[in-house]
Amino acid sequence: ETVQKHDLNTLKSLDAEAPLGVANDIAVFRTLIALCVIALEHFPTKLVDDETLLKQGASGSMELAIQFRIQKKSVIIDVMRNLSRK
């Protein structure tokens, strides 16, 4: 019921005040950050390892796979940073 009182865009915005309460927002952000950590742990390599592999040179398809993995990890890390600022 409380959620229905708020505009969906307001609820999705990281810049808006906490319409559902600060404690609720903090709990959600902590949960999302924890899920990001779990997602990063499921990769077989660390970001630094991928960057090193890329610098060492790799075949065409391997290079693309490494770049893709780096991008996925970078997105997850950016999400964690943005949530940590809130």
C-alpha atoms as a PDB file:
ATOM      1  CA  GLU A   1       0.000   0.000   0.000  1.00  0.00           C
ATOM      2  CA  THR A   2       2.790   2.448   0.893  1.00  0.00           C
ATOM      3  CA  VAL A   3       4.533   1.720  -2.402  1.00  0.00           C
ATOM      4  CA  GLN A   4       1.390   2.542  -4.374  1.00  0.00           C
ATOM      5  CA  LYS A   5       1.336   6.069  -2.950  1.00  0.00           C
ATOM      6  CA  HIS A   6       4.644   6.935  -4.619  1.00  0.00           C
ATOM      7  CA  ASP A   7       5.515   7.525  -8.236  1.00  0.00           C
ATOM      8  CA  LEU A   8       7.465   4.597  -9.715  1.00  0.00           C
ATOM      9  CA  ASN A   9      10.209   6.918 -11.000  1.00  0.00           C
ATOM     10  CA  THR A  10      10.657   8.342  -7.501  1.00  0.00           C
ATOM     11  CA  LEU A  11      10.997   4.849  -6.068  1.00  0.00           C
ATOM     12  CA  LYS A  12      13.598   3.911  -8.715  1.00  0.00           C
ATOM     13  CA  SER A  13      15.670   7.057  -8.243  1.00  0.00           C
ATOM     14  CA  LEU A  14      18.791   6.904  -6.094  1.00  0.00           C
ATOM     15  CA  ASP A  15      18.627  10.693  -5.739  1.00  0.00           C
ATOM     16  CA  ALA A  16      15.170  10.851  -4.142  1.00  0.00           C
ATOM     17  CA  GLU A  17      14.523  10.902  -0.423  1.00  0.00           C
ATOM     18  CA  ALA A  18      13.740   7.511   1.097  1.00  0.00           C
ATOM     19  CA  PRO A  19       9.959   7.342   0.522  1.00  0.00           C
ATOM     20  CA  LEU A  20       9.679   3.961   2.246  1.00  0.00           C
ATOM     21  CA  GLY A  21      11.900   4.901   5.170  1.00  0.00           C
ATOM     22  CA  VAL A  22      15.637   5.218   5.670  1.00  0.00           C
ATOM     23  CA  ALA A  23      15.944   1.881   7.477  1.00  0.00           C
ATOM     24  CA  ASN A  24      14.225   0.101   4.604  1.00  0.00           C
ATOM     25  CA  ASP A  25      16.460   1.800   2.031  1.00  0.00           C
ATOM     26  CA  ILE A  26      19.600   0.888   3.971  1.00  0.00           C
ATOM     27  CA  ALA A  27      18.508  -2.746   4.213  1.00  0.00           C
ATOM     28  CA  VAL A  28      17.785  -2.890   0.488  1.00  0.00           C
ATOM     29  CA  PHE A  29      21.102  -1.263  -0.444  1.00  0.00           C
ATOM     30  CA  ARG A  30      23.046  -3.636   1.814  1.00  0.00           C
ATOM     31  CA  THR A  31      21.261  -6.614   0.289  1.00  0.00           C
ATOM     32  CA  LEU A  32      21.954  -5.409  -3.248  1.00  0.00           C
ATOM     33  CA  ILE A  33      25.626  -4.796  -2.454  1.00  0.00           C
ATOM     34  CA  ALA A  34      25.883  -8.292  -0.949  1.00  0.00           C
ATOM     35  CA  LEU A  35      24.327  -9.762  -4.098  1.00  0.00           C
ATOM     36  CA  CYS A  36      26.858  -7.846  -6.202  1.00  0.00           C
ATOM     37  CA  VAL A  37      29.694  -9.308  -4.115  1.00  0.00           C
ATOM     38  CA  ILE A  38      28.281 -12.795  -4.629  1.00  0.00           C
ATOM     39  CA  ALA A  39      28.014 -12.177  -8.375  1.00  0.00           C
ATOM     40  CA  LEU A  40      31.656 -11.062  -8.511  1.00  0.00           C
ATOM     41  CA  GLU A  41      32.746 -14.136  -6.549  1.00  0.00           C
ATOM     42  CA  HIS A  42      31.173 -16.400  -9.176  1.00  0.00           C
ATOM     43  CA  PHE A  43      33.609 -15.228 -11.841  1.00  0.00           C
ATOM     44  CA  PRO A  44      36.616 -17.543 -12.249  1.00  0.00           C
ATOM     45  CA  THR A  45      39.051 -14.605 -12.254  1.00  0.00           C
ATOM     46  CA  LYS A  46      39.480 -11.225 -10.594  1.00  0.00           C
ATOM     47  CA  LEU A  47      39.235  -7.991 -12.590  1.00  0.00           C
ATOM     48  CA  VAL A  48      42.980  -7.409 -12.201  1.00  0.00           C
ATOM     49  CA  ASP A  49      43.685 -10.881 -13.605  1.00  0.00           C
ATOM     50  CA  ASP A  50      41.522 -10.163 -16.653  1.00  0.00           C
ATOM     51  CA  GLU A  51      43.261  -6.853 -17.271  1.00  0.00           C
ATOM     52  CA  THR A  52      46.648  -8.592 -17.042  1.00  0.00           C
ATOM     53  CA  LEU A  53      45.528 -11.298 -19.485  1.00  0.00           C
ATOM     54  CA  LEU A  54      44.331  -8.631 -21.887  1.00  0.00           C
ATOM     55  CA  LYS A  55      47.666  -6.795 -21.734  1.00  0.00           C
ATOM     56  CA  GLN A  56      49.573 -10.023 -22.367  1.00  0.00           C
ATOM     57  CA  GLY A  57      47.658 -10.509 -25.589  1.00  0.00           C
ATOM     58  CA  ALA A  58      45.109 -13.147 -26.451  1.00  0.00           C
ATOM     59  CA  SER A  59      43.565 -14.637 -29.571  1.00  0.00           C
ATOM     60  CA  GLY A  60      40.583 -12.866 -31.137  1.00  0.00           C
ATOM     61  CA  SER A  61      37.802 -14.838 -29.471  1.00  0.00           C
ATOM     62  CA  MET A  62      39.646 -15.065 -26.148  1.00  0.00           C
ATOM     63  CA  GLU A  63      40.270 -11.311 -26.210  1.00  0.00           C
ATOM     64  CA  LEU A  64      36.563 -10.661 -26.772  1.00  0.00           C
ATOM     65  CA  ALA A  65      35.627 -13.015 -23.937  1.00  0.00           C
ATOM     66  CA  ILE A  66      38.037 -11.266 -21.562  1.00  0.00           C
ATOM     67  CA  GLN A  67      36.761  -7.818 -22.580  1.00  0.00           C
ATOM     68  CA  PHE A  68      33.175  -8.947 -22.052  1.00  0.00           C
ATOM     69  CA  ARG A  69      34.030 -10.339 -18.618  1.00  0.00           C
ATOM     70  CA  ILE A  70      35.765  -7.066 -17.702  1.00  0.00           C
ATOM     71  CA  GLN A  71      32.708  -5.075 -18.764  1.00  0.00           C
ATOM     72  CA  LYS A  72      30.329  -7.252 -16.745  1.00  0.00           C
ATOM     73  CA  LYS A  73      32.513  -6.920 -13.652  1.00  0.00           C
ATOM     74  CA  SER A  74      32.845  -3.163 -14.177  1.00  0.00           C
ATOM     75  CA  VAL A  75      29.066  -2.738 -14.296  1.00  0.00           C
ATOM     76  CA  ILE A  76      28.667  -4.688 -11.055  1.00  0.00           C
ATOM     77  CA  ILE A  77      31.409  -2.648  -9.367  1.00  0.00           C
ATOM     78  CA  ASP A  78      29.822   0.622 -10.553  1.00  0.00           C
ATOM     79  CA  VAL A  79      26.471  -0.459  -9.108  1.00  0.00           C
ATOM     80  CA  MET A  80      28.166  -1.224  -5.790  1.00  0.00           C
ATOM     81  CA  ARG A  81      29.850   2.201  -5.773  1.00  0.00           C
ATOM     82  CA  ASN A  82      26.597   4.011  -6.532  1.00  0.00           C
ATOM     83  CA  LEU A  83      24.716   2.125  -3.834  1.00  0.00           C
ATOM     84  CA  SER A  84      27.494   2.729  -1.300  1.00  0.00           C
ATOM     85  CA  ARG A  85      27.250   6.499  -1.834  1.00  0.00           C
ATOM     86  CA  LYS A  86      23.583   6.563  -0.902  1.00  0.00           C
END
